[in-house]
């Protein structure tokens, strides 16, 4: 894995390139982590590279290092910056945008911003937050302990959390004001909606609602995998196998 800096709108976006990143033709998986915390996604990144895909984790808004932040701590700012990064770094290759948790909301913004202009694109919304009930404090408080029932504290990097601090809270507040089930109705790209079977943030009925709402998407896939909310860390091989299917969607969307 190595670090790369890309100038986007006058700021540098830090990305983590998993593997050698040498191919310019095979599908590229671009990962948008939940709450801007890259560390826990790297296991899935390595599993994707082992399956012949390229993978880059975007450090947005920038909690993964001490560098100046690349954008505001907001799901839409993160998503739009990711779209601009793709225009700079992956203009002519198939791309899967894999967003997890609040990163799934940001990834939806990315895919909508690219719209019809980007043909070889697919979207994976993993553990997508938040159901309508969870957008109010009582519902969120009820779901949170159950959402992480198969997860452990070591899955997160304390340094990233320390750097994020108030920025993490800002991302969370913005994500609670979002209604992805409304925005996804305008999505033209193929979409995969998935979560861990024990993820209380993304129960099966919520995945079904998102899938049903994606009426303009070229194709829709839903999948329940192992684990709870952070299954990109706990079940990377299952997640990677599903993303391989999404990569085929991106290649077929030409």
Protein backbone atom coordinates (compact mmCIF):
# COMPACT_ATOMS: atom_id res chain seq x y z
CA UNK A 1 0.00 0.00 0.00
CA UNK A 2 1.21 3.49 -0.75
CA UNK A 3 -0.03 7.05 -0.38
CA UNK A 4 -0.89 9.31 -3.29
CA UNK A 5 -1.79 13.00 -3.35
CA UNK A 6 -4.01 14.42 -6.09
CA UNK A 7 -4.76 18.12 -6.60
CA UNK A 8 -8.53 18.64 -6.67
CA UNK A 9 -10.01 22.14 -6.68
CA UNK A 10 -6.89 23.67 -5.18
CA UNK A 11 -6.53 21.12 -2.37
CA UNK A 12 -4.72 17.82 -2.16
CA UNK A 13 -6.77 14.64 -1.76
CA UNK A 14 -4.88 11.87 0.00
CA UNK A 15 -5.60 8.36 -1.19
CA UNK A 16 -4.33 4.95 -0.13
CA UNK A 17 -3.51 2.75 -3.10
CA UNK A 18 -3.85 -0.90 -2.10
CA UNK A 19 -1.51 -3.20 -4.02
CA UNK A 20 0.72 -1.87 -6.77
CA UNK A 21 -2.08 0.00 -8.56
CA UNK A 22 -0.26 -0.59 -11.83
CA UNK A 23 -3.19 -1.43 -14.09
CA UNK A 24 -4.91 1.35 -15.99
CA UNK A 25 -7.48 -0.87 -17.66
CA UNK A 26 -8.98 -3.29 -15.13
CA UNK A 27 -11.78 -2.05 -12.87
CA UNK A 28 -10.87 0.33 -10.07
CA UNK A 29 -12.72 0.15 -6.76
CA UNK A 30 -12.81 3.52 -4.99
CA UNK A 31 -13.70 3.25 -1.31
CA UNK A 32 -15.41 5.99 0.70
CA UNK A 33 -15.18 5.01 4.39
CA UNK A 34 -17.82 5.67 7.00
CA UNK A 35 -17.30 8.81 9.12
CA UNK A 36 -14.09 9.50 7.16
CA UNK A 37 -12.15 6.72 8.94
CA UNK A 38 -10.07 4.77 6.37
CA UNK A 39 -8.30 2.15 8.53
CA UNK A 40 -11.09 -0.41 8.90
CA UNK A 41 -11.67 -0.61 5.13
CA UNK A 42 -8.16 -1.78 4.25
CA UNK A 43 -8.85 -5.47 4.79
CA UNK A 44 -11.52 -5.34 2.12
CA UNK A 45 -9.12 -3.40 -0.09
CA UNK A 46 -6.55 -6.18 0.14
CA UNK A 47 -9.22 -8.81 -0.56
CA UNK A 48 -10.22 -6.90 -3.70
CA UNK A 49 -6.63 -6.75 -4.95
CA UNK A 50 -6.33 -10.50 -4.36
CA UNK A 51 -9.28 -10.91 -6.75
CA UNK A 52 -7.61 -8.98 -9.54
CA UNK A 53 -9.14 -5.55 -8.99
CA UNK A 54 -7.38 -2.29 -8.25
CA UNK A 55 -8.46 -0.53 -5.08
CA UNK A 56 -7.96 2.99 -3.75
CA UNK A 57 -9.30 4.22 -0.41
CA UNK A 58 -10.00 7.96 -0.40
CA UNK A 59 -9.04 9.73 2.81
CA UNK A 60 -11.95 12.16 2.77
CA UNK A 61 -12.31 14.59 4.39
CA UNK A 62 -8.81 13.84 5.69
CA UNK A 63 -8.82 12.21 9.13
CA UNK A 64 -6.23 9.62 8.09
CA UNK A 65 -3.21 11.95 8.34
CA UNK A 66 -2.09 15.28 9.77
CA UNK A 67 -2.32 16.96 6.37
CA UNK A 68 -4.84 19.79 5.83
CA UNK A 69 -8.33 18.47 5.13
CA UNK A 70 -9.30 18.03 1.50
CA UNK A 71 -12.93 19.08 1.92
CA UNK A 72 -15.59 19.86 4.50
CA UNK A 73 -16.78 17.09 6.87
CA UNK A 74 -20.09 16.59 5.12
CA UNK A 75 -21.37 13.63 3.08
CA UNK A 76 -22.17 15.76 0.04
CA UNK A 77 -18.85 17.63 0.07
CA UNK A 78 -17.07 14.28 0.37
CA UNK A 79 -19.10 12.79 -2.47
CA UNK A 80 -18.54 15.72 -4.81
CA UNK A 81 -14.81 15.75 -4.08
CA UNK A 82 -14.69 12.03 -4.85
CA UNK A 83 -16.40 12.68 -8.20
CA UNK A 84 -13.78 15.30 -9.07
CA UNK A 85 -11.00 12.94 -7.96
CA UNK A 86 -12.37 10.28 -10.32
CA UNK A 87 -12.30 12.77 -13.19
CA UNK A 88 -8.61 13.38 -12.48
CA UNK A 89 -7.42 9.86 -11.70
CA UNK A 90 -9.75 7.39 -13.42
CA UNK A 91 -11.31 9.08 -16.40
CA UNK A 92 -11.10 6.16 -18.84
CA UNK A 93 -11.60 2.96 -16.88
CA UNK A 94 -14.44 1.02 -15.24
CA UNK A 95 -15.05 2.19 -11.67
CA UNK A 96 -16.92 0.82 -8.68
CA UNK A 97 -17.65 3.42 -6.01
CA UNK A 98 -17.88 1.47 -2.74
CA UNK A 99 -19.25 3.52 0.13
CA UNK A 100 -19.78 2.16 3.61
CA UNK A 101 -22.06 3.56 6.33
CA UNK A 102 -22.14 7.37 5.95
CA UNK A 103 -19.67 6.76 3.12
CA UNK A 104 -22.50 5.00 1.28
CA UNK A 105 -24.47 8.25 1.41
CA UNK A 106 -21.40 10.11 0.11
CA UNK A 107 -20.91 7.51 -2.62
CA UNK A 108 -24.50 8.03 -3.74
CA UNK A 109 -23.68 11.73 -4.10
CA UNK A 110 -20.64 10.77 -6.19
CA UNK A 111 -22.64 8.53 -8.53
CA UNK A 112 -25.41 11.11 -8.92
CA UNK A 113 -22.89 13.86 -9.66
CA UNK A 114 -21.31 11.77 -12.41
CA UNK A 115 -24.73 10.79 -13.75
CA UNK A 116 -24.98 9.89 -17.41
CA UNK A 117 -21.54 11.37 -18.13
CA UNK A 118 -19.84 8.32 -16.67
CA UNK A 119 -20.97 5.15 -18.40
CA UNK A 120 -18.64 2.48 -16.93
CA UNK A 121 -19.63 3.05 -13.32
CA UNK A 122 -21.40 1.06 -10.63
CA UNK A 123 -22.27 1.90 -7.05
CA UNK A 124 -22.07 -0.30 -3.96
CA UNK A 125 -23.84 0.99 -0.85
CA UNK A 126 -22.60 -1.14 2.05
CA UNK A 127 -24.23 -0.77 5.46
CA UNK A 128 -26.09 2.34 4.20
CA UNK A 129 -27.21 4.75 6.90
CA UNK A 130 -29.78 5.87 8.16
CA UNK A 131 -33.33 4.54 8.15
CA UNK A 132 -36.05 7.19 8.62
CA UNK A 133 -36.62 6.05 12.20
CA UNK A 134 -32.92 6.34 13.03
CA UNK A 135 -32.79 9.98 11.93
CA UNK A 136 -34.23 10.89 15.33
CA UNK A 137 -32.23 10.43 18.50
CA UNK A 138 -34.38 7.72 20.15
CA UNK A 139 -34.25 5.50 17.05
CA UNK A 140 -30.52 6.05 16.60
CA UNK A 141 -29.82 5.29 20.25
CA UNK A 142 -31.84 2.09 20.05
CA UNK A 143 -30.10 0.82 16.91
CA UNK A 144 -26.49 1.69 17.74
CA UNK A 145 -25.63 -1.02 20.31
CA UNK A 146 -27.15 -3.70 18.09
CA UNK A 147 -25.50 -2.40 14.91
CA UNK A 148 -22.03 -3.26 16.23
CA UNK A 149 -22.88 -6.53 17.98
CA UNK A 150 -20.22 -8.52 16.03
CA UNK A 151 -17.61 -5.75 16.01
CA UNK A 152 -14.78 -4.75 18.36
CA UNK A 153 -12.95 -1.49 19.20
CA UNK A 154 -9.67 -2.63 17.58
CA UNK A 155 -11.33 -2.31 14.16
CA UNK A 156 -10.86 1.47 14.35
CA UNK A 157 -7.66 3.54 14.49
CA UNK A 158 -7.67 5.80 17.57
CA UNK A 159 -5.46 8.35 15.79
CA UNK A 160 -8.06 8.78 13.03
CA UNK A 161 -10.79 9.27 15.62
CA UNK A 162 -8.67 11.84 17.47
CA UNK A 163 -7.97 13.79 14.29
CA UNK A 164 -11.63 13.68 13.31
CA UNK A 165 -13.22 14.62 16.62
CA UNK A 166 -15.67 17.45 15.82
CA UNK A 167 -15.48 16.59 12.11
CA UNK A 168 -16.88 13.13 12.78
CA UNK A 169 -19.80 14.72 14.63
CA UNK A 170 -20.38 17.06 11.68
CA UNK A 171 -20.48 14.14 9.24
CA UNK A 172 -22.94 12.32 11.48
CA UNK A 173 -25.21 15.33 11.81
CA UNK A 174 -25.29 15.85 8.06
CA UNK A 175 -25.98 12.19 7.39
CA UNK A 176 -28.96 12.26 9.76
CA UNK A 177 -30.51 15.01 7.62
CA UNK A 178 -30.17 12.97 4.42
CA UNK A 179 -32.88 10.86 2.78
CA UNK A 180 -31.02 8.46 0.46
CA UNK A 181 -34.24 6.64 -0.41
CA UNK A 182 -35.36 9.84 -2.16
CA UNK A 183 -32.08 10.66 -3.88
CA UNK A 184 -31.51 7.13 -5.19
CA UNK A 185 -34.60 7.45 -7.41
CA UNK A 186 -32.46 9.55 -9.81
CA UNK A 187 -29.54 7.11 -10.01
CA UNK A 188 -28.86 5.80 -13.55
CA UNK A 189 -25.90 3.54 -12.68
CA UNK A 190 -26.07 -0.11 -11.59
CA UNK A 191 -26.33 -0.32 -7.81
CA UNK A 192 -25.67 -3.00 -5.20
CA UNK A 193 -27.12 -2.55 -1.71
CA UNK A 194 -25.66 -4.73 1.02
CA UNK A 195 -25.12 -5.05 4.76
CA UNK A 196 -24.13 -7.50 7.44
CA UNK A 197 -26.99 -9.71 8.53
CA UNK A 198 -26.68 -8.37 12.09
CA UNK A 199 -26.33 -4.69 11.11
CA UNK A 200 -29.16 -2.88 12.91
CA UNK A 201 -28.37 0.31 10.99
CA UNK A 202 -29.20 -1.43 7.70
CA UNK A 203 -31.87 -4.10 8.25
CA UNK A 204 -33.17 -6.11 5.32
CA UNK A 205 -36.32 -4.00 4.96
CA UNK A 206 -34.17 -0.85 4.62
CA UNK A 207 -32.05 -2.47 1.91
CA UNK A 208 -35.25 -3.51 0.13
CA UNK A 209 -36.62 0.01 0.32
CA UNK A 210 -33.47 1.48 -1.20
CA UNK A 211 -33.47 -1.17 -3.93
CA UNK A 212 -37.12 -0.58 -4.74
CA UNK A 213 -36.56 3.17 -4.86
CA UNK A 214 -33.72 2.79 -7.39
CA UNK A 215 -36.16 2.57 -10.27
CA UNK A 216 -33.92 4.41 -12.74
CA UNK A 217 -30.83 2.28 -12.08
CA UNK A 218 -29.54 0.09 -14.89
CA UNK A 219 -29.61 -2.88 -12.49
CA UNK A 220 -30.20 -3.45 -8.79
CA UNK A 221 -28.72 -6.11 -6.52
CA UNK A 222 -29.26 -6.69 -2.79
CA UNK A 223 -27.24 -8.97 -0.56
CA UNK A 224 -27.04 -9.80 3.14
CA UNK A 225 -23.54 -10.86 4.17
CA UNK A 226 -21.97 -12.00 7.42
CA UNK A 227 -21.27 -9.78 10.38
CA UNK A 228 -22.74 -6.57 11.67
CA UNK A 229 -22.03 -2.95 10.74
CA UNK A 230 -18.26 -3.04 10.23
CA UNK A 231 -18.19 -6.13 8.06
CA UNK A 232 -15.66 -4.53 5.71
CA UNK A 233 -13.24 -5.35 8.54
CA UNK A 234 -14.72 -8.59 9.85
CA UNK A 235 -15.85 -10.22 6.57
CA UNK A 236 -13.63 -8.74 3.84
CA UNK A 237 -13.75 -11.78 1.57
CA UNK A 238 -17.55 -11.82 1.45
CA UNK A 239 -17.64 -8.11 0.71
CA UNK A 240 -14.95 -8.45 -1.96
CA UNK A 241 -16.77 -11.30 -3.71
CA UNK A 242 -19.85 -9.10 -3.97
CA UNK A 243 -17.86 -6.12 -5.24
CA UNK A 244 -16.43 -8.32 -8.01
CA UNK A 245 -20.00 -8.66 -9.31
CA UNK A 246 -20.38 -4.88 -9.19
CA UNK A 247 -17.15 -4.55 -11.17
CA UNK A 248 -18.68 -6.75 -13.87
CA UNK A 249 -21.68 -4.39 -13.84
CA UNK A 250 -19.37 -1.44 -14.43
CA UNK A 251 -17.63 -3.17 -17.33
CA UNK A 252 -20.96 -4.12 -18.91
CA UNK A 253 -22.32 -0.58 -18.61
CA UNK A 254 -20.21 0.67 -21.52
